[in-house]
PDBML (XML) file of the C-alpha atoms, coordinates in Angstrom:
<?xml version="1.0" encoding="UTF-8" ?>
<PDBx:datablock datablockName="MODEL"
   xmlns:PDBx="http://pdbml.pdb.org/schema/pdbx-v50.xsd"
   xmlns:xsi="http://www.w3.org/2001/XMLSchema-instance"
   xsi:schemaLocation="http://pdbml.pdb.org/schema/pdbx-v50.xsd pdbx-v50.xsd">
   <PDBx:atom_siteCategory>
      <PDBx:atom_site id="1">
         <PDBx:B_iso_or_equiv>0.00</PDBx:B_iso_or_equiv>
         <PDBx:Cartn_x>92.627</PDBx:Cartn_x>
         <PDBx:Cartn_y>-6.383</PDBx:Cartn_y>
         <PDBx:Cartn_z>-77.739</PDBx:Cartn_z>
         <PDBx:auth_asym_id>A</PDBx:auth_asym_id>
         <PDBx:auth_atom_id>CA</PDBx:auth_atom_id>
         <PDBx:auth_comp_id>PHE</PDBx:auth_comp_id>
         <PDBx:auth_seq_id>1</PDBx:auth_seq_id>
         <PDBx:group_PDB>ATOM</PDBx:group_PDB>
         <PDBx:label_alt_id xsi:nil="true" />
         <PDBx:label_asym_id>A</PDBx:label_asym_id>
         <PDBx:label_atom_id>CA</PDBx:label_atom_id>
         <PDBx:label_comp_id>PHE</PDBx:label_comp_id>
         <PDBx:label_entity_id>1</PDBx:label_entity_id>
         <PDBx:label_seq_id>1</PDBx:label_seq_id>
         <PDBx:occupancy>1.00</PDBx:occupancy>
         <PDBx:pdbx_PDB_model_num>1</PDBx:pdbx_PDB_model_num>
         <PDBx:type_symbol>C</PDBx:type_symbol>
      </PDBx:atom_site>
      <PDBx:atom_site id="2">
         <PDBx:B_iso_or_equiv>0.00</PDBx:B_iso_or_equiv>
         <PDBx:Cartn_x>89.811</PDBx:Cartn_x>
         <PDBx:Cartn_y>-6.942</PDBx:Cartn_y>
         <PDBx:Cartn_z>-75.281</PDBx:Cartn_z>
         <PDBx:auth_asym_id>A</PDBx:auth_asym_id>
         <PDBx:auth_atom_id>CA</PDBx:auth_atom_id>
         <PDBx:auth_comp_id>ARG</PDBx:auth_comp_id>
         <PDBx:auth_seq_id>2</PDBx:auth_seq_id>
         <PDBx:group_PDB>ATOM</PDBx:group_PDB>
         <PDBx:label_alt_id xsi:nil="true" />
         <PDBx:label_asym_id>A</PDBx:label_asym_id>
         <PDBx:label_atom_id>CA</PDBx:label_atom_id>
         <PDBx:label_comp_id>ARG</PDBx:label_comp_id>
         <PDBx:label_entity_id>1</PDBx:label_entity_id>
         <PDBx:label_seq_id>2</PDBx:label_seq_id>
         <PDBx:occupancy>1.00</PDBx:occupancy>
         <PDBx:pdbx_PDB_model_num>1</PDBx:pdbx_PDB_model_num>
         <PDBx:type_symbol>C</PDBx:type_symbol>
      </PDBx:atom_site>
      <PDBx:atom_site id="3">
         <PDBx:B_iso_or_equiv>0.00</PDBx:B_iso_or_equiv>
         <PDBx:Cartn_x>89.749</PDBx:Cartn_x>
         <PDBx:Cartn_y>-9.912</PDBx:Cartn_y>
         <PDBx:Cartn_z>-72.940</PDBx:Cartn_z>
         <PDBx:auth_asym_id>A</PDBx:auth_asym_id>
         <PDBx:auth_atom_id>CA</PDBx:auth_atom_id>
         <PDBx:auth_comp_id>ALA</PDBx:auth_comp_id>
         <PDBx:auth_seq_id>3</PDBx:auth_seq_id>
         <PDBx:group_PDB>ATOM</PDBx:group_PDB>
         <PDBx:label_alt_id xsi:nil="true" />
         <PDBx:label_asym_id>A</PDBx:label_asym_id>
         <PDBx:label_atom_id>CA</PDBx:label_atom_id>
         <PDBx:label_comp_id>ALA</PDBx:label_comp_id>
         <PDBx:label_entity_id>1</PDBx:label_entity_id>
         <PDBx:label_seq_id>3</PDBx:label_seq_id>
         <PDBx:occupancy>1.00</PDBx:occupancy>
         <PDBx:pdbx_PDB_model_num>1</PDBx:pdbx_PDB_model_num>
         <PDBx:type_symbol>C</PDBx:type_symbol>
      </PDBx:atom_site>
      <PDBx:atom_site id="4">
         <PDBx:B_iso_or_equiv>0.00</PDBx:B_iso_or_equiv>
         <PDBx:Cartn_x>87.808</PDBx:Cartn_x>
         <PDBx:Cartn_y>-10.920</PDBx:Cartn_y>
         <PDBx:Cartn_z>-69.862</PDBx:Cartn_z>
         <PDBx:auth_asym_id>A</PDBx:auth_asym_id>
         <PDBx:auth_atom_id>CA</PDBx:auth_atom_id>
         <PDBx:auth_comp_id>ARG</PDBx:auth_comp_id>
         <PDBx:auth_seq_id>4</PDBx:auth_seq_id>
         <PDBx:group_PDB>ATOM</PDBx:group_PDB>
         <PDBx:label_alt_id xsi:nil="true" />
         <PDBx:label_asym_id>A</PDBx:label_asym_id>
         <PDBx:label_atom_id>CA</PDBx:label_atom_id>
         <PDBx:label_comp_id>ARG</PDBx:label_comp_id>
         <PDBx:label_entity_id>1</PDBx:label_entity_id>
         <PDBx:label_seq_id>4</PDBx:label_seq_id>
         <PDBx:occupancy>1.00</PDBx:occupancy>
         <PDBx:pdbx_PDB_model_num>1</PDBx:pdbx_PDB_model_num>
         <PDBx:type_symbol>C</PDBx:type_symbol>
      </PDBx:atom_site>
      <PDBx:atom_site id="5">
         <PDBx:B_iso_or_equiv>0.00</PDBx:B_iso_or_equiv>
         <PDBx:Cartn_x>89.423</PDBx:Cartn_x>
         <PDBx:Cartn_y>-9.804</PDBx:Cartn_y>
         <PDBx:Cartn_z>-66.635</PDBx:Cartn_z>
         <PDBx:auth_asym_id>A</PDBx:auth_asym_id>
         <PDBx:auth_atom_id>CA</PDBx:auth_atom_id>
         <PDBx:auth_comp_id>ASN</PDBx:auth_comp_id>
         <PDBx:auth_seq_id>5</PDBx:auth_seq_id>
         <PDBx:group_PDB>ATOM</PDBx:group_PDB>
         <PDBx:label_alt_id xsi:nil="true" />
         <PDBx:label_asym_id>A</PDBx:label_asym_id>
         <PDBx:label_atom_id>CA</PDBx:label_atom_id>
         <PDBx:label_comp_id>ASN</PDBx:label_comp_id>
         <PDBx:label_entity_id>1</PDBx:label_entity_id>
         <PDBx:label_seq_id>5</PDBx:label_seq_id>
         <PDBx:occupancy>1.00</PDBx:occupancy>
         <PDBx:pdbx_PDB_model_num>1</PDBx:pdbx_PDB_model_num>
         <PDBx:type_symbol>C</PDBx:type_symbol>
      </PDBx:atom_site>
      <PDBx:atom_site id="6">
         <PDBx:B_iso_or_equiv>0.00</PDBx:B_iso_or_equiv>
         <PDBx:Cartn_x>89.254</PDBx:Cartn_x>
         <PDBx:Cartn_y>-11.575</PDBx:Cartn_y>
         <PDBx:Cartn_z>-63.281</PDBx:Cartn_z>
         <PDBx:auth_asym_id>A</PDBx:auth_asym_id>
         <PDBx:auth_atom_id>CA</PDBx:auth_atom_id>
         <PDBx:auth_comp_id>GLU</PDBx:auth_comp_id>
         <PDBx:auth_seq_id>6</PDBx:auth_seq_id>
         <PDBx:group_PDB>ATOM</PDBx:group_PDB>
         <PDBx:label_alt_id xsi:nil="true" />
         <PDBx:label_asym_id>A</PDBx:label_asym_id>
         <PDBx:label_atom_id>CA</PDBx:label_atom_id>
         <PDBx:label_comp_id>GLU</PDBx:label_comp_id>
         <PDBx:label_entity_id>1</PDBx:label_entity_id>
         <PDBx:label_seq_id>6</PDBx:label_seq_id>
         <PDBx:occupancy>1.00</PDBx:occupancy>
         <PDBx:pdbx_PDB_model_num>1</PDBx:pdbx_PDB_model_num>
         <PDBx:type_symbol>C</PDBx:type_symbol>
      </PDBx:atom_site>
      <PDBx:atom_site id="7">
         <PDBx:B_iso_or_equiv>0.00</PDBx:B_iso_or_equiv>
         <PDBx:Cartn_x>85.812</PDBx:Cartn_x>
         <PDBx:Cartn_y>-10.015</PDBx:Cartn_y>
         <PDBx:Cartn_z>-62.621</PDBx:Cartn_z>
         <PDBx:auth_asym_id>A</PDBx:auth_asym_id>
         <PDBx:auth_atom_id>CA</PDBx:auth_atom_id>
         <PDBx:auth_comp_id>HIS</PDBx:auth_comp_id>
         <PDBx:auth_seq_id>7</PDBx:auth_seq_id>
         <PDBx:group_PDB>ATOM</PDBx:group_PDB>
         <PDBx:label_alt_id xsi:nil="true" />
         <PDBx:label_asym_id>A</PDBx:label_asym_id>
         <PDBx:label_atom_id>CA</PDBx:label_atom_id>
         <PDBx:label_comp_id>HIS</PDBx:label_comp_id>
         <PDBx:label_entity_id>1</PDBx:label_entity_id>
         <PDBx:label_seq_id>7</PDBx:label_seq_id>
         <PDBx:occupancy>1.00</PDBx:occupancy>
         <PDBx:pdbx_PDB_model_num>1</PDBx:pdbx_PDB_model_num>
         <PDBx:type_symbol>C</PDBx:type_symbol>
      </PDBx:atom_site>
      <PDBx:atom_site id="8">
         <PDBx:B_iso_or_equiv>0.00</PDBx:B_iso_or_equiv>
         <PDBx:Cartn_x>84.344</PDBx:Cartn_x>
         <PDBx:Cartn_y>-11.210</PDBx:Cartn_y>
         <PDBx:Cartn_z>-65.918</PDBx:Cartn_z>
         <PDBx:auth_asym_id>A</PDBx:auth_asym_id>
         <PDBx:auth_atom_id>CA</PDBx:auth_atom_id>
         <PDBx:auth_comp_id>GLY</PDBx:auth_comp_id>
         <PDBx:auth_seq_id>8</PDBx:auth_seq_id>
         <PDBx:group_PDB>ATOM</PDBx:group_PDB>
         <PDBx:label_alt_id xsi:nil="true" />
         <PDBx:label_asym_id>A</PDBx:label_asym_id>
         <PDBx:label_atom_id>CA</PDBx:label_atom_id>
         <PDBx:label_comp_id>GLY</PDBx:label_comp_id>
         <PDBx:label_entity_id>1</PDBx:label_entity_id>
         <PDBx:label_seq_id>8</PDBx:label_seq_id>
         <PDBx:occupancy>1.00</PDBx:occupancy>
         <PDBx:pdbx_PDB_model_num>1</PDBx:pdbx_PDB_model_num>
         <PDBx:type_symbol>C</PDBx:type_symbol>
      </PDBx:atom_site>
      <PDBx:atom_site id="9">
         <PDBx:B_iso_or_equiv>0.00</PDBx:B_iso_or_equiv>
         <PDBx:Cartn_x>84.333</PDBx:Cartn_x>
         <PDBx:Cartn_y>-7.721</PDBx:Cartn_y>
         <PDBx:Cartn_z>-67.472</PDBx:Cartn_z>
         <PDBx:auth_asym_id>A</PDBx:auth_asym_id>
         <PDBx:auth_atom_id>CA</PDBx:auth_atom_id>
         <PDBx:auth_comp_id>ASP</PDBx:auth_comp_id>
         <PDBx:auth_seq_id>9</PDBx:auth_seq_id>
         <PDBx:group_PDB>ATOM</PDBx:group_PDB>
         <PDBx:label_alt_id xsi:nil="true" />
         <PDBx:label_asym_id>A</PDBx:label_asym_id>
         <PDBx:label_atom_id>CA</PDBx:label_atom_id>
         <PDBx:label_comp_id>ASP</PDBx:label_comp_id>
         <PDBx:label_entity_id>1</PDBx:label_entity_id>
         <PDBx:label_seq_id>9</PDBx:label_seq_id>
         <PDBx:occupancy>1.00</PDBx:occupancy>
         <PDBx:pdbx_PDB_model_num>1</PDBx:pdbx_PDB_model_num>
         <PDBx:type_symbol>C</PDBx:type_symbol>
      </PDBx:atom_site>
      <PDBx:atom_site id="10">
         <PDBx:B_iso_or_equiv>0.00</PDBx:B_iso_or_equiv>
         <PDBx:Cartn_x>85.915</PDBx:Cartn_x>
         <PDBx:Cartn_y>-6.785</PDBx:Cartn_y>
         <PDBx:Cartn_z>-70.798</PDBx:Cartn_z>
         <PDBx:auth_asym_id>A</PDBx:auth_asym_id>
         <PDBx:auth_atom_id>CA</PDBx:auth_atom_id>
         <PDBx:auth_comp_id>TRP</PDBx:auth_comp_id>
         <PDBx:auth_seq_id>10</PDBx:auth_seq_id>
         <PDBx:group_PDB>ATOM</PDBx:group_PDB>
         <PDBx:label_alt_id xsi:nil="true" />
         <PDBx:label_asym_id>A</PDBx:label_asym_id>
         <PDBx:label_atom_id>CA</PDBx:label_atom_id>
         <PDBx:label_comp_id>TRP</PDBx:label_comp_id>
         <PDBx:label_entity_id>1</PDBx:label_entity_id>
         <PDBx:label_seq_id>10</PDBx:label_seq_id>
         <PDBx:occupancy>1.00</PDBx:occupancy>
         <PDBx:pdbx_PDB_model_num>1</PDBx:pdbx_PDB_model_num>
         <PDBx:type_symbol>C</PDBx:type_symbol>
      </PDBx:atom_site>
      <PDBx:atom_site id="11">
         <PDBx:B_iso_or_equiv>0.00</PDBx:B_iso_or_equiv>
         <PDBx:Cartn_x>89.256</PDBx:Cartn_x>
         <PDBx:Cartn_y>-5.041</PDBx:Cartn_y>
         <PDBx:Cartn_z>-70.344</PDBx:Cartn_z>
         <PDBx:auth_asym_id>A</PDBx:auth_asym_id>
         <PDBx:auth_atom_id>CA</PDBx:auth_atom_id>
         <PDBx:auth_comp_id>ALA</PDBx:auth_comp_id>
         <PDBx:auth_seq_id>11</PDBx:auth_seq_id>
         <PDBx:group_PDB>ATOM</PDBx:group_PDB>
         <PDBx:label_alt_id xsi:nil="true" />
         <PDBx:label_asym_id>A</PDBx:label_asym_id>
         <PDBx:label_atom_id>CA</PDBx:label_atom_id>
         <PDBx:label_comp_id>ALA</PDBx:label_comp_id>
         <PDBx:label_entity_id>1</PDBx:label_entity_id>
         <PDBx:label_seq_id>11</PDBx:label_seq_id>
         <PDBx:occupancy>1.00</PDBx:occupancy>
         <PDBx:pdbx_PDB_model_num>1</PDBx:pdbx_PDB_model_num>
         <PDBx:type_symbol>C</PDBx:type_symbol>
      </PDBx:atom_site>
      <PDBx:atom_site id="12">
         <PDBx:B_iso_or_equiv>0.00</PDBx:B_iso_or_equiv>
         <PDBx:Cartn_x>91.734</PDBx:Cartn_x>
         <PDBx:Cartn_y>-3.702</PDBx:Cartn_y>
         <PDBx:Cartn_z>-72.898</PDBx:Cartn_z>
         <PDBx:auth_asym_id>A</PDBx:auth_asym_id>
         <PDBx:auth_atom_id>CA</PDBx:auth_atom_id>
         <PDBx:auth_comp_id>TRP</PDBx:auth_comp_id>
         <PDBx:auth_seq_id>12</PDBx:auth_seq_id>
         <PDBx:group_PDB>ATOM</PDBx:group_PDB>
         <PDBx:label_alt_id xsi:nil="true" />
         <PDBx:label_asym_id>A</PDBx:label_asym_id>
         <PDBx:label_atom_id>CA</PDBx:label_atom_id>
         <PDBx:label_comp_id>TRP</PDBx:label_comp_id>
         <PDBx:label_entity_id>1</PDBx:label_entity_id>
         <PDBx:label_seq_id>12</PDBx:label_seq_id>
         <PDBx:occupancy>1.00</PDBx:occupancy>
         <PDBx:pdbx_PDB_model_num>1</PDBx:pdbx_PDB_model_num>
         <PDBx:type_symbol>C</PDBx:type_symbol>
      </PDBx:atom_site>
      <PDBx:atom_site id="13">
         <PDBx:B_iso_or_equiv>0.00</PDBx:B_iso_or_equiv>
         <PDBx:Cartn_x>95.229</PDBx:Cartn_x>
         <PDBx:Cartn_y>-5.175</PDBx:Cartn_y>
         <PDBx:Cartn_z>-73.104</PDBx:Cartn_z>
         <PDBx:auth_asym_id>A</PDBx:auth_asym_id>
         <PDBx:auth_atom_id>CA</PDBx:auth_atom_id>
         <PDBx:auth_comp_id>PHE</PDBx:auth_comp_id>
         <PDBx:auth_seq_id>13</PDBx:auth_seq_id>
         <PDBx:group_PDB>ATOM</PDBx:group_PDB>
         <PDBx:label_alt_id xsi:nil="true" />
         <PDBx:label_asym_id>A</PDBx:label_asym_id>
         <PDBx:label_atom_id>CA</PDBx:label_atom_id>
         <PDBx:label_comp_id>PHE</PDBx:label_comp_id>
         <PDBx:label_entity_id>1</PDBx:label_entity_id>
         <PDBx:label_seq_id>13</PDBx:label_seq_id>
         <PDBx:occupancy>1.00</PDBx:occupancy>
         <PDBx:pdbx_PDB_model_num>1</PDBx:pdbx_PDB_model_num>
         <PDBx:type_symbol>C</PDBx:type_symbol>
      </PDBx:atom_site>
      <PDBx:atom_site id="14">
         <PDBx:B_iso_or_equiv>0.00</PDBx:B_iso_or_equiv>
         <PDBx:Cartn_x>98.319</PDBx:Cartn_x>
         <PDBx:Cartn_y>-4.287</PDBx:Cartn_y>
         <PDBx:Cartn_z>-75.094</PDBx:Cartn_z>
         <PDBx:auth_asym_id>A</PDBx:auth_asym_id>
         <PDBx:auth_atom_id>CA</PDBx:auth_atom_id>
         <PDBx:auth_comp_id>LEU</PDBx:auth_comp_id>
         <PDBx:auth_seq_id>14</PDBx:auth_seq_id>
         <PDBx:group_PDB>ATOM</PDBx:group_PDB>
         <PDBx:label_alt_id xsi:nil="true" />
         <PDBx:label_asym_id>A</PDBx:label_asym_id>
         <PDBx:label_atom_id>CA</PDBx:label_atom_id>
         <PDBx:label_comp_id>LEU</PDBx:label_comp_id>
         <PDBx:label_entity_id>1</PDBx:label_entity_id>
         <PDBx:label_seq_id>14</PDBx:label_seq_id>
         <PDBx:occupancy>1.00</PDBx:occupancy>
         <PDBx:pdbx_PDB_model_num>1</PDBx:pdbx_PDB_model_num>
         <PDBx:type_symbol>C</PDBx:type_symbol>
      </PDBx:atom_site>
      <PDBx:atom_site id="15">
         <PDBx:B_iso_or_equiv>0.00</PDBx:B_iso_or_equiv>
         <PDBx:Cartn_x>100.796</PDBx:Cartn_x>
         <PDBx:Cartn_y>-6.942</PDBx:Cartn_y>
         <PDBx:Cartn_z>-76.171</PDBx:Cartn_z>
         <PDBx:auth_asym_id>A</PDBx:auth_asym_id>
         <PDBx:auth_atom_id>CA</PDBx:auth_atom_id>
         <PDBx:auth_comp_id>GLN</PDBx:auth_comp_id>
         <PDBx:auth_seq_id>15</PDBx:auth_seq_id>
         <PDBx:group_PDB>ATOM</PDBx:group_PDB>
         <PDBx:label_alt_id xsi:nil="true" />
         <PDBx:label_asym_id>A</PDBx:label_asym_id>
         <PDBx:label_atom_id>CA</PDBx:label_atom_id>
         <PDBx:label_comp_id>GLN</PDBx:label_comp_id>
         <PDBx:label_entity_id>1</PDBx:label_entity_id>
         <PDBx:label_seq_id>15</PDBx:label_seq_id>
         <PDBx:occupancy>1.00</PDBx:occupancy>
         <PDBx:pdbx_PDB_model_num>1</PDBx:pdbx_PDB_model_num>
         <PDBx:type_symbol>C</PDBx:type_symbol>
      </PDBx:atom_site>
      <PDBx:atom_site id="16">
         <PDBx:B_iso_or_equiv>0.00</PDBx:B_iso_or_equiv>
         <PDBx:Cartn_x>104.224</PDBx:Cartn_x>
         <PDBx:Cartn_y>-6.115</PDBx:Cartn_y>
         <PDBx:Cartn_z>-77.535</PDBx:Cartn_z>
         <PDBx:auth_asym_id>A</PDBx:auth_asym_id>
         <PDBx:auth_atom_id>CA</PDBx:auth_atom_id>
         <PDBx:auth_comp_id>ARG</PDBx:auth_comp_id>
         <PDBx:auth_seq_id>16</PDBx:auth_seq_id>
         <PDBx:group_PDB>ATOM</PDBx:group_PDB>
         <PDBx:label_alt_id xsi:nil="true" />
         <PDBx:label_asym_id>A</PDBx:label_asym_id>
         <PDBx:label_atom_id>CA</PDBx:label_atom_id>
         <PDBx:label_comp_id>ARG</PDBx:label_comp_id>
         <PDBx:label_entity_id>1</PDBx:label_entity_id>
         <PDBx:label_seq_id>16</PDBx:label_seq_id>
         <PDBx:occupancy>1.00</PDBx:occupancy>
         <PDBx:pdbx_PDB_model_num>1</PDBx:pdbx_PDB_model_num>
         <PDBx:type_symbol>C</PDBx:type_symbol>
      </PDBx:atom_site>
      <PDBx:atom_site id="17">
         <PDBx:B_iso_or_equiv>0.00</PDBx:B_iso_or_equiv>
         <PDBx:Cartn_x>106.959</PDBx:Cartn_x>
         <PDBx:Cartn_y>-8.488</PDBx:Cartn_y>
         <PDBx:Cartn_z>-78.497</PDBx:Cartn_z>
         <PDBx:auth_asym_id>A</PDBx:auth_asym_id>
         <PDBx:auth_atom_id>CA</PDBx:auth_atom_id>
         <PDBx:auth_comp_id>GLY</PDBx:auth_comp_id>
         <PDBx:auth_seq_id>17</PDBx:auth_seq_id>
         <PDBx:group_PDB>ATOM</PDBx:group_PDB>
         <PDBx:label_alt_id xsi:nil="true" />
         <PDBx:label_asym_id>A</PDBx:label_asym_id>
         <PDBx:label_atom_id>CA</PDBx:label_atom_id>
         <PDBx:label_comp_id>GLY</PDBx:label_comp_id>
         <PDBx:label_entity_id>1</PDBx:label_entity_id>
         <PDBx:label_seq_id>17</PDBx:label_seq_id>
         <PDBx:occupancy>1.00</PDBx:occupancy>
         <PDBx:pdbx_PDB_model_num>1</PDBx:pdbx_PDB_model_num>
         <PDBx:type_symbol>C</PDBx:type_symbol>
      </PDBx:atom_site>
      <PDBx:atom_site id="18">
         <PDBx:B_iso_or_equiv>0.00</PDBx:B_iso_or_equiv>
         <PDBx:Cartn_x>109.911</PDBx:Cartn_x>
         <PDBx:Cartn_y>-9.231</PDBx:Cartn_y>
         <PDBx:Cartn_z>-80.687</PDBx:Cartn_z>
         <PDBx:auth_asym_id>A</PDBx:auth_asym_id>
         <PDBx:auth_atom_id>CA</PDBx:auth_atom_id>
         <PDBx:auth_comp_id>GLN</PDBx:auth_comp_id>
         <PDBx:auth_seq_id>18</PDBx:auth_seq_id>
         <PDBx:group_PDB>ATOM</PDBx:group_PDB>
         <PDBx:label_alt_id xsi:nil="true" />
         <PDBx:label_asym_id>A</PDBx:label_asym_id>
         <PDBx:label_atom_id>CA</PDBx:label_atom_id>
         <PDBx:label_comp_id>GLN</PDBx:label_comp_id>
         <PDBx:label_entity_id>1</PDBx:label_entity_id>
         <PDBx:label_seq_id>18</PDBx:label_seq_id>
         <PDBx:occupancy>1.00</PDBx:occupancy>
         <PDBx:pdbx_PDB_model_num>1</PDBx:pdbx_PDB_model_num>
         <PDBx:type_symbol>C</PDBx:type_symbol>
      </PDBx:atom_site>
      <PDBx:atom_site id="19">
         <PDBx:B_iso_or_equiv>0.00</PDBx:B_iso_or_equiv>
         <PDBx:Cartn_x>111.611</PDBx:Cartn_x>
         <PDBx:Cartn_y>-12.285</PDBx:Cartn_y>
         <PDBx:Cartn_z>-82.084</PDBx:Cartn_z>
         <PDBx:auth_asym_id>A</PDBx:auth_asym_id>
         <PDBx:auth_atom_id>CA</PDBx:auth_atom_id>
         <PDBx:auth_comp_id>ALA</PDBx:auth_comp_id>
         <PDBx:auth_seq_id>19</PDBx:auth_seq_id>
         <PDBx:group_PDB>ATOM</PDBx:group_PDB>
         <PDBx:label_alt_id xsi:nil="true" />
         <PDBx:label_asym_id>A</PDBx:label_asym_id>
         <PDBx:label_atom_id>CA</PDBx:label_atom_id>
         <PDBx:label_comp_id>ALA</PDBx:label_comp_id>
         <PDBx:label_entity_id>1</PDBx:label_entity_id>
         <PDBx:label_seq_id>19</PDBx:label_seq_id>
         <PDBx:occupancy>1.00</PDBx:occupancy>
         <PDBx:pdbx_PDB_model_num>1</PDBx:pdbx_PDB_model_num>
         <PDBx:type_symbol>C</PDBx:type_symbol>
      </PDBx:atom_site>
      <PDBx:atom_site id="20">
         <PDBx:B_iso_or_equiv>0.00</PDBx:B_iso_or_equiv>
         <PDBx:Cartn_x>115.034</PDBx:Cartn_x>
         <PDBx:Cartn_y>-12.650</PDBx:Cartn_y>
         <PDBx:Cartn_z>-80.513</PDBx:Cartn_z>
         <PDBx:auth_asym_id>A</PDBx:auth_asym_id>
         <PDBx:auth_atom_id>CA</PDBx:auth_atom_id>
         <PDBx:auth_comp_id>VAL</PDBx:auth_comp_id>
         <PDBx:auth_seq_id>20</PDBx:auth_seq_id>
         <PDBx:group_PDB>ATOM</PDBx:group_PDB>
         <PDBx:label_alt_id xsi:nil="true" />
         <PDBx:label_asym_id>A</PDBx:label_asym_id>
         <PDBx:label_atom_id>CA</PDBx:label_atom_id>
         <PDBx:label_comp_id>VAL</PDBx:label_comp_id>
         <PDBx:label_entity_id>1</PDBx:label_entity_id>
         <PDBx:label_seq_id>20</PDBx:label_seq_id>
         <PDBx:occupancy>1.00</PDBx:occupancy>
         <PDBx:pdbx_PDB_model_num>1</PDBx:pdbx_PDB_model_num>
         <PDBx:type_symbol>C</PDBx:type_symbol>
      </PDBx:atom_site>
      <PDBx:atom_site id="21">
         <PDBx:B_iso_or_equiv>0.00</PDBx:B_iso_or_equiv>
         <PDBx:Cartn_x>115.926</PDBx:Cartn_x>
         <PDBx:Cartn_y>-15.687</PDBx:Cartn_y>
         <PDBx:Cartn_z>-82.593</PDBx:Cartn_z>
         <PDBx:auth_asym_id>A</PDBx:auth_asym_id>
         <PDBx:auth_atom_id>CA</PDBx:auth_atom_id>
         <PDBx:auth_comp_id>GLU</PDBx:auth_comp_id>
         <PDBx:auth_seq_id>21</PDBx:auth_seq_id>
         <PDBx:group_PDB>ATOM</PDBx:group_PDB>
         <PDBx:label_alt_id xsi:nil="true" />
         <PDBx:label_asym_id>A</PDBx:label_asym_id>
         <PDBx:label_atom_id>CA</PDBx:label_atom_id>
         <PDBx:label_comp_id>GLU</PDBx:label_comp_id>
         <PDBx:label_entity_id>1</PDBx:label_entity_id>
         <PDBx:label_seq_id>21</PDBx:label_seq_id>
         <PDBx:occupancy>1.00</PDBx:occupancy>
         <PDBx:pdbx_PDB_model_num>1</PDBx:pdbx_PDB_model_num>
         <PDBx:type_symbol>C</PDBx:type_symbol>
      </PDBx:atom_site>
      <PDBx:atom_site id="22">
         <PDBx:B_iso_or_equiv>0.00</PDBx:B_iso_or_equiv>
         <PDBx:Cartn_x>114.913</PDBx:Cartn_x>
         <PDBx:Cartn_y>-16.735</PDBx:Cartn_y>
         <PDBx:Cartn_z>-86.102</PDBx:Cartn_z>
         <PDBx:auth_asym_id>A</PDBx:auth_asym_id>
         <PDBx:auth_atom_id>CA</PDBx:auth_atom_id>
         <PDBx:auth_comp_id>ARG</PDBx:auth_comp_id>
         <PDBx:auth_seq_id>22</PDBx:auth_seq_id>
         <PDBx:group_PDB>ATOM</PDBx:group_PDB>
         <PDBx:label_alt_id xsi:nil="true" />
         <PDBx:label_asym_id>A</PDBx:label_asym_id>
         <PDBx:label_atom_id>CA</PDBx:label_atom_id>
         <PDBx:label_comp_id>ARG</PDBx:label_comp_id>
         <PDBx:label_entity_id>1</PDBx:label_entity_id>
         <PDBx:label_seq_id>22</PDBx:label_seq_id>
         <PDBx:occupancy>1.00</PDBx:occupancy>
         <PDBx:pdbx_PDB_model_num>1</PDBx:pdbx_PDB_model_num>
         <PDBx:type_symbol>C</PDBx:type_symbol>
      </PDBx:atom_site>
      <PDBx:atom_site id="23">
         <PDBx:B_iso_or_equiv>0.00</PDBx:B_iso_or_equiv>
         <PDBx:Cartn_x>115.679</PDBx:Cartn_x>
         <PDBx:Cartn_y>-19.860</PDBx:Cartn_y>
         <PDBx:Cartn_z>-88.107</PDBx:Cartn_z>
         <PDBx:auth_asym_id>A</PDBx:auth_asym_id>
         <PDBx:auth_atom_id>CA</PDBx:auth_atom_id>
         <PDBx:auth_comp_id>ASP</PDBx:auth_comp_id>
         <PDBx:auth_seq_id>23</PDBx:auth_seq_id>
         <PDBx:group_PDB>ATOM</PDBx:group_PDB>
         <PDBx:label_alt_id xsi:nil="true" />
         <PDBx:label_asym_id>A</PDBx:label_asym_id>
         <PDBx:label_atom_id>CA</PDBx:label_atom_id>
         <PDBx:label_comp_id>ASP</PDBx:label_comp_id>
         <PDBx:label_entity_id>1</PDBx:label_entity_id>
         <PDBx:label_seq_id>23</PDBx:label_seq_id>
         <PDBx:occupancy>1.00</PDBx:occupancy>
         <PDBx:pdbx_PDB_model_num>1</PDBx:pdbx_PDB_model_num>
         <PDBx:type_symbol>C</PDBx:type_symbol>
      </PDBx:atom_site>
      <PDBx:atom_site id="24">
         <PDBx:B_iso_or_equiv>0.00</PDBx:B_iso_or_equiv>
         <PDBx:Cartn_x>117.437</PDBx:Cartn_x>
         <PDBx:Cartn_y>-19.943</PDBx:Cartn_y>
         <PDBx:Cartn_z>-91.491</PDBx:Cartn_z>
         <PDBx:auth_asym_id>A</PDBx:auth_asym_id>
         <PDBx:auth_atom_id>CA</PDBx:auth_atom_id>
         <PDBx:auth_comp_id>ALA</PDBx:auth_comp_id>
         <PDBx:auth_seq_id>24</PDBx:auth_seq_id>
         <PDBx:group_PDB>ATOM</PDBx:group_PDB>
         <PDBx:label_alt_id xsi:nil="true" />
         <PDBx:label_asym_id>A</PDBx:label_asym_id>
         <PDBx:label_atom_id>CA</PDBx:label_atom_id>
         <PDBx:label_comp_id>ALA</PDBx:label_comp_id>
         <PDBx:label_entity_id>1</PDBx:label_entity_id>
         <PDBx:label_seq_id>24</PDBx:label_seq_id>
         <PDBx:occupancy>1.00</PDBx:occupancy>
         <PDBx:pdbx_PDB_model_num>1</PDBx:pdbx_PDB_model_num>
         <PDBx:type_symbol>C</PDBx:type_symbol>
      </PDBx:atom_site>
      <PDBx:atom_site id="25">
         <PDBx:B_iso_or_equiv>0.00</PDBx:B_iso_or_equiv>
         <PDBx:Cartn_x>114.144</PDBx:Cartn_x>
         <PDBx:Cartn_y>-19.160</PDBx:Cartn_y>
         <PDBx:Cartn_z>-93.283</PDBx:Cartn_z>
         <PDBx:auth_asym_id>A</PDBx:auth_asym_id>
         <PDBx:auth_atom_id>CA</PDBx:auth_atom_id>
         <PDBx:auth_comp_id>GLU</PDBx:auth_comp_id>
         <PDBx:auth_seq_id>25</PDBx:auth_seq_id>
         <PDBx:group_PDB>ATOM</PDBx:group_PDB>
         <PDBx:label_alt_id xsi:nil="true" />
         <PDBx:label_asym_id>A</PDBx:label_asym_id>
         <PDBx:label_atom_id>CA</PDBx:label_atom_id>
         <PDBx:label_comp_id>GLU</PDBx:label_comp_id>
         <PDBx:label_entity_id>1</PDBx:label_entity_id>
         <PDBx:label_seq_id>25</PDBx:label_seq_id>
         <PDBx:occupancy>1.00</PDBx:occupancy>
         <PDBx:pdbx_PDB_model_num>1</PDBx:pdbx_PDB_model_num>
         <PDBx:type_symbol>C</PDBx:type_symbol>
      </PDBx:atom_site>
   </PDBx:atom_siteCategory>
</PDBx:datablock>
């Protein structure tokens, strides 16, 4: 996704993640 960086410009970012714990559902 694009987000504003510290200079106010649009920059591209990549987020990755994983659930390490889930409930019964």
